[in-house]
């Protein structure tokens, strides 16, 4: 768990998780910028992004970042479980 995008990136560098679940709006470094930094060196980590907005510009940018999915808030628990279980099975 990270309080901001900068902290999330530091945790990523330290732990190299297999799956990342991030919000699109975060202080210090937004979710799309965080993912862009990660994708500069890592194309294998599975990333799920969450947003309260379905803005077309952000959705298109997210597609370019090789995400697993883009979930719109409020997130349904069943949908999140399904996505995560599918990732674990791959």
N, C-alpha and C. Protein backbone atom coordinates (compact mmCIF):
# COMPACT_ATOMS: atom_id res chain seq x y z
N UNK A 1 0.86 -1.18 0.00
CA UNK A 1 0.00 0.00 0.00
C UNK A 1 0.90 1.23 0.00
N UNK A 2 0.54 2.19 -0.85
CA UNK A 2 1.31 3.43 -0.93
C UNK A 2 0.37 4.62 -0.81
N UNK A 3 0.86 5.70 -0.24
CA UNK A 3 0.05 6.90 -0.04
C UNK A 3 0.07 7.83 -1.25
N UNK A 4 1.05 7.65 -2.13
CA UNK A 4 1.16 8.50 -3.31
C UNK A 4 1.91 7.74 -4.41
N UNK A 5 1.91 8.30 -5.60
CA UNK A 5 2.57 7.64 -6.72
C UNK A 5 4.07 7.48 -6.54
N UNK A 6 4.70 8.48 -5.94
CA UNK A 6 6.15 8.41 -5.71
C UNK A 6 6.48 7.25 -4.76
N UNK A 7 5.70 7.12 -3.70
CA UNK A 7 5.90 6.03 -2.75
C UNK A 7 5.61 4.68 -3.42
N UNK A 8 4.60 4.65 -4.27
CA UNK A 8 4.26 3.42 -4.99
C UNK A 8 5.43 2.98 -5.87
N UNK A 9 6.07 3.94 -6.55
CA UNK A 9 7.20 3.60 -7.41
C UNK A 9 8.36 3.06 -6.59
N UNK A 10 8.62 3.67 -5.44
CA UNK A 10 9.70 3.19 -4.57
C UNK A 10 9.41 1.76 -4.09
N UNK A 11 8.16 1.48 -3.75
CA UNK A 11 7.80 0.13 -3.33
C UNK A 11 7.92 -0.85 -4.49
N UNK A 12 7.54 -0.41 -5.68
CA UNK A 12 7.71 -1.26 -6.86
C UNK A 12 9.19 -1.62 -7.04
N UNK A 13 10.06 -0.64 -6.96
CA UNK A 13 11.50 -0.87 -7.15
C UNK A 13 12.04 -1.83 -6.09
N UNK A 14 11.52 -1.75 -4.89
CA UNK A 14 12.00 -2.60 -3.80
C UNK A 14 11.45 -4.03 -3.88
N UNK A 15 10.18 -4.18 -4.22
CA UNK A 15 9.53 -5.49 -4.13
C UNK A 15 9.27 -6.19 -5.46
N UNK A 16 9.24 -5.46 -6.58
CA UNK A 16 8.95 -6.02 -7.90
C UNK A 16 7.76 -6.99 -7.87
N UNK A 17 6.56 -6.47 -7.57
CA UNK A 17 5.38 -7.34 -7.48
C UNK A 17 4.98 -7.90 -8.84
N UNK A 18 4.26 -8.99 -8.83
CA UNK A 18 3.75 -9.59 -10.07
C UNK A 18 2.52 -8.85 -10.58
N UNK A 19 1.73 -8.28 -9.65
CA UNK A 19 0.50 -7.57 -9.99
C UNK A 19 0.48 -6.24 -9.25
N UNK A 20 0.09 -5.18 -9.97
CA UNK A 20 -0.06 -3.86 -9.36
C UNK A 20 -1.49 -3.40 -9.58
N UNK A 21 -2.11 -2.91 -8.52
CA UNK A 21 -3.45 -2.32 -8.57
C UNK A 21 -3.27 -0.86 -8.18
N UNK A 22 -3.53 0.07 -9.10
CA UNK A 22 -3.28 1.48 -8.82
C UNK A 22 -4.45 2.36 -9.24
N UNK A 23 -4.58 3.46 -8.53
CA UNK A 23 -5.58 4.45 -8.90
C UNK A 23 -4.97 5.36 -9.96
N UNK A 24 -5.81 5.97 -10.76
CA UNK A 24 -5.29 6.87 -11.79
C UNK A 24 -4.91 8.22 -11.20
N UNK A 25 -5.64 8.66 -10.16
CA UNK A 25 -5.37 9.94 -9.51
C UNK A 25 -4.69 9.72 -8.17
N UNK A 26 -3.44 10.14 -8.08
CA UNK A 26 -2.68 10.04 -6.84
C UNK A 26 -1.81 11.29 -6.72
N UNK A 27 -1.48 11.69 -5.49
CA UNK A 27 -0.58 12.82 -5.32
C UNK A 27 0.85 12.46 -5.74
N UNK A 28 1.62 13.48 -6.07
CA UNK A 28 3.04 13.41 -6.40
C UNK A 28 3.37 12.75 -7.74
N UNK A 29 2.66 11.72 -8.11
CA UNK A 29 2.89 11.02 -9.38
C UNK A 29 1.59 10.29 -9.70
N UNK A 30 0.88 10.71 -10.75
CA UNK A 30 -0.40 10.08 -11.04
C UNK A 30 -0.21 8.66 -11.55
N UNK A 31 -1.29 7.90 -11.58
CA UNK A 31 -1.22 6.49 -11.95
C UNK A 31 -0.65 6.24 -13.33
N UNK A 32 -1.04 7.06 -14.32
CA UNK A 32 -0.52 6.86 -15.68
C UNK A 32 0.98 7.14 -15.74
N UNK A 33 1.45 8.16 -15.03
CA UNK A 33 2.89 8.46 -14.99
C UNK A 33 3.65 7.35 -14.27
N UNK A 34 3.07 6.84 -13.20
CA UNK A 34 3.68 5.72 -12.47
C UNK A 34 3.85 4.52 -13.40
N UNK A 35 2.79 4.18 -14.11
CA UNK A 35 2.85 3.03 -15.01
C UNK A 35 3.84 3.28 -16.14
N UNK A 36 3.89 4.48 -16.65
CA UNK A 36 4.86 4.81 -17.70
C UNK A 36 6.28 4.57 -17.23
N UNK A 37 6.58 5.00 -15.99
CA UNK A 37 7.92 4.78 -15.43
C UNK A 37 8.22 3.29 -15.30
N UNK A 38 7.25 2.54 -14.84
CA UNK A 38 7.44 1.10 -14.68
C UNK A 38 7.65 0.44 -16.04
N UNK A 39 6.87 0.84 -17.03
CA UNK A 39 6.94 0.24 -18.36
C UNK A 39 8.25 0.55 -19.09
N UNK A 40 8.99 1.55 -18.66
CA UNK A 40 10.28 1.85 -19.26
C UNK A 40 11.25 0.68 -19.12
N UNK A 41 11.08 -0.11 -18.07
CA UNK A 41 11.99 -1.23 -17.83
C UNK A 41 11.29 -2.56 -17.59
N UNK A 42 9.97 -2.54 -17.46
CA UNK A 42 9.25 -3.75 -17.10
C UNK A 42 7.94 -3.85 -17.89
N UNK A 43 7.87 -4.81 -18.78
CA UNK A 43 6.64 -5.01 -19.55
C UNK A 43 5.87 -6.24 -19.08
N UNK A 44 6.39 -6.93 -18.09
CA UNK A 44 5.77 -8.18 -17.65
C UNK A 44 4.84 -8.05 -16.46
N UNK A 45 5.08 -7.09 -15.58
CA UNK A 45 4.23 -6.93 -14.41
C UNK A 45 2.81 -6.62 -14.87
N UNK A 46 1.85 -7.31 -14.31
CA UNK A 46 0.44 -7.12 -14.65
C UNK A 46 -0.07 -5.91 -13.87
N UNK A 47 -0.72 -4.97 -14.58
CA UNK A 47 -1.18 -3.75 -13.94
C UNK A 47 -2.67 -3.53 -14.21
N UNK A 48 -3.39 -3.27 -13.12
CA UNK A 48 -4.81 -2.94 -13.18
C UNK A 48 -4.93 -1.50 -12.69
N UNK A 49 -5.61 -0.67 -13.45
CA UNK A 49 -5.78 0.73 -13.04
C UNK A 49 -7.25 0.97 -12.70
N UNK A 50 -7.45 1.82 -11.69
CA UNK A 50 -8.78 2.14 -11.19
C UNK A 50 -9.00 3.63 -11.35
N UNK A 51 -10.23 4.01 -11.72
CA UNK A 51 -10.55 5.43 -11.85
C UNK A 51 -12.03 5.65 -11.59
N UNK A 52 -12.33 6.82 -11.09
CA UNK A 52 -13.72 7.22 -10.93
C UNK A 52 -14.23 7.83 -12.23
N UNK A 53 -13.33 8.03 -13.17
CA UNK A 53 -13.68 8.69 -14.43
C UNK A 53 -13.43 7.77 -15.61
N UNK A 54 -14.20 7.95 -16.63
CA UNK A 54 -13.99 7.17 -17.85
C UNK A 54 -13.64 8.12 -19.00
N UNK A 55 -12.77 9.08 -18.70
CA UNK A 55 -12.35 10.07 -19.70
C UNK A 55 -11.64 9.39 -20.85
N UNK A 56 -12.07 9.70 -22.06
CA UNK A 56 -11.54 9.04 -23.24
C UNK A 56 -10.02 9.21 -23.37
N UNK A 57 -9.52 10.41 -23.11
CA UNK A 57 -8.08 10.66 -23.25
C UNK A 57 -7.27 9.76 -22.31
N UNK A 58 -7.72 9.63 -21.08
CA UNK A 58 -7.01 8.79 -20.12
C UNK A 58 -7.14 7.31 -20.49
N UNK A 59 -8.31 6.92 -20.97
CA UNK A 59 -8.48 5.52 -21.40
C UNK A 59 -7.54 5.18 -22.55
N UNK A 60 -7.42 6.07 -23.51
CA UNK A 60 -6.53 5.83 -24.65
C UNK A 60 -5.07 5.77 -24.21
N UNK A 61 -4.67 6.64 -23.32
CA UNK A 61 -3.30 6.62 -22.79
C UNK A 61 -3.06 5.30 -22.05
N UNK A 62 -4.03 4.86 -21.29
CA UNK A 62 -3.91 3.62 -20.53
C UNK A 62 -3.72 2.42 -21.46
N UNK A 63 -4.42 2.40 -22.57
CA UNK A 63 -4.30 1.30 -23.53
C UNK A 63 -2.86 1.15 -24.01
N UNK A 64 -2.20 2.27 -24.23
CA UNK A 64 -0.82 2.27 -24.71
C UNK A 64 0.15 1.68 -23.68
N UNK A 65 -0.26 1.63 -22.42
CA UNK A 65 0.63 1.18 -21.34
C UNK A 65 0.54 -0.31 -21.05
N UNK A 66 -0.15 -1.05 -21.91
CA UNK A 66 -0.22 -2.50 -21.77
C UNK A 66 -0.79 -2.93 -20.42
N UNK A 67 -1.97 -2.40 -20.10
CA UNK A 67 -2.63 -2.74 -18.84
C UNK A 67 -3.45 -4.02 -19.00
N UNK A 68 -3.72 -4.65 -17.88
CA UNK A 68 -4.61 -5.80 -17.87
C UNK A 68 -6.03 -5.32 -18.09
N UNK A 69 -6.43 -4.31 -17.31
CA UNK A 69 -7.76 -3.74 -17.45
C UNK A 69 -7.81 -2.38 -16.79
N UNK A 70 -8.88 -1.67 -17.06
CA UNK A 70 -9.14 -0.34 -16.53
C UNK A 70 -10.50 -0.42 -15.87
N UNK A 71 -10.54 -0.40 -14.55
CA UNK A 71 -11.79 -0.55 -13.82
C UNK A 71 -12.33 0.81 -13.39
N UNK A 72 -13.62 1.02 -13.57
CA UNK A 72 -14.27 2.26 -13.19
C UNK A 72 -14.91 2.09 -11.81
N UNK A 73 -14.66 3.07 -10.92
CA UNK A 73 -15.27 3.06 -9.59
C UNK A 73 -16.74 3.39 -9.70
N UNK A 74 -17.56 2.88 -8.82
CA UNK A 74 -17.22 1.95 -7.74
C UNK A 74 -16.96 0.55 -8.31
N UNK A 75 -15.97 -0.08 -7.77
CA UNK A 75 -15.55 -1.39 -8.26
C UNK A 75 -16.40 -2.47 -7.61
N UNK A 76 -16.86 -3.36 -8.42
CA UNK A 76 -17.61 -4.51 -7.91
C UNK A 76 -16.62 -5.58 -7.49
N UNK A 77 -16.74 -6.05 -6.27
CA UNK A 77 -15.81 -7.03 -5.72
C UNK A 77 -15.69 -8.26 -6.61
N UNK A 78 -16.81 -8.74 -7.12
CA UNK A 78 -16.78 -9.92 -7.97
C UNK A 78 -15.94 -9.70 -9.22
N UNK A 79 -16.03 -8.51 -9.81
CA UNK A 79 -15.26 -8.20 -11.01
C UNK A 79 -13.77 -8.16 -10.70
N UNK A 80 -13.40 -7.52 -9.59
CA UNK A 80 -11.99 -7.44 -9.20
C UNK A 80 -11.44 -8.84 -8.93
N UNK A 81 -12.19 -9.65 -8.21
CA UNK A 81 -11.76 -11.03 -7.93
C UNK A 81 -11.55 -11.80 -9.23
N UNK A 82 -12.49 -11.66 -10.14
CA UNK A 82 -12.39 -12.37 -11.43
C UNK A 82 -11.12 -11.98 -12.17
N UNK A 83 -10.83 -10.69 -12.24
CA UNK A 83 -9.64 -10.22 -12.94
C UNK A 83 -8.38 -10.75 -12.27
N UNK A 84 -8.32 -10.67 -10.95
CA UNK A 84 -7.12 -11.13 -10.23
C UNK A 84 -6.95 -12.64 -10.37
N UNK A 85 -8.02 -13.40 -10.23
CA UNK A 85 -7.92 -14.85 -10.39
C UNK A 85 -7.46 -15.23 -11.79
N UNK A 86 -7.93 -14.52 -12.80
CA UNK A 86 -7.50 -14.78 -14.17
C UNK A 86 -6.00 -14.53 -14.33
N UNK A 87 -5.49 -13.48 -13.66
CA UNK A 87 -4.06 -13.19 -13.74
C UNK A 87 -3.22 -14.26 -13.06
N UNK A 88 -3.71 -14.74 -11.94
CA UNK A 88 -2.97 -15.76 -11.18
C UNK A 88 -2.91 -17.07 -11.96
N UNK A 89 -3.97 -17.37 -12.71
CA UNK A 89 -4.02 -18.62 -13.47
C UNK A 89 -3.13 -18.61 -14.70
N UNK A 90 -2.75 -17.41 -15.19
CA UNK A 90 -1.96 -17.31 -16.41
C UNK A 90 -0.56 -17.80 -16.20
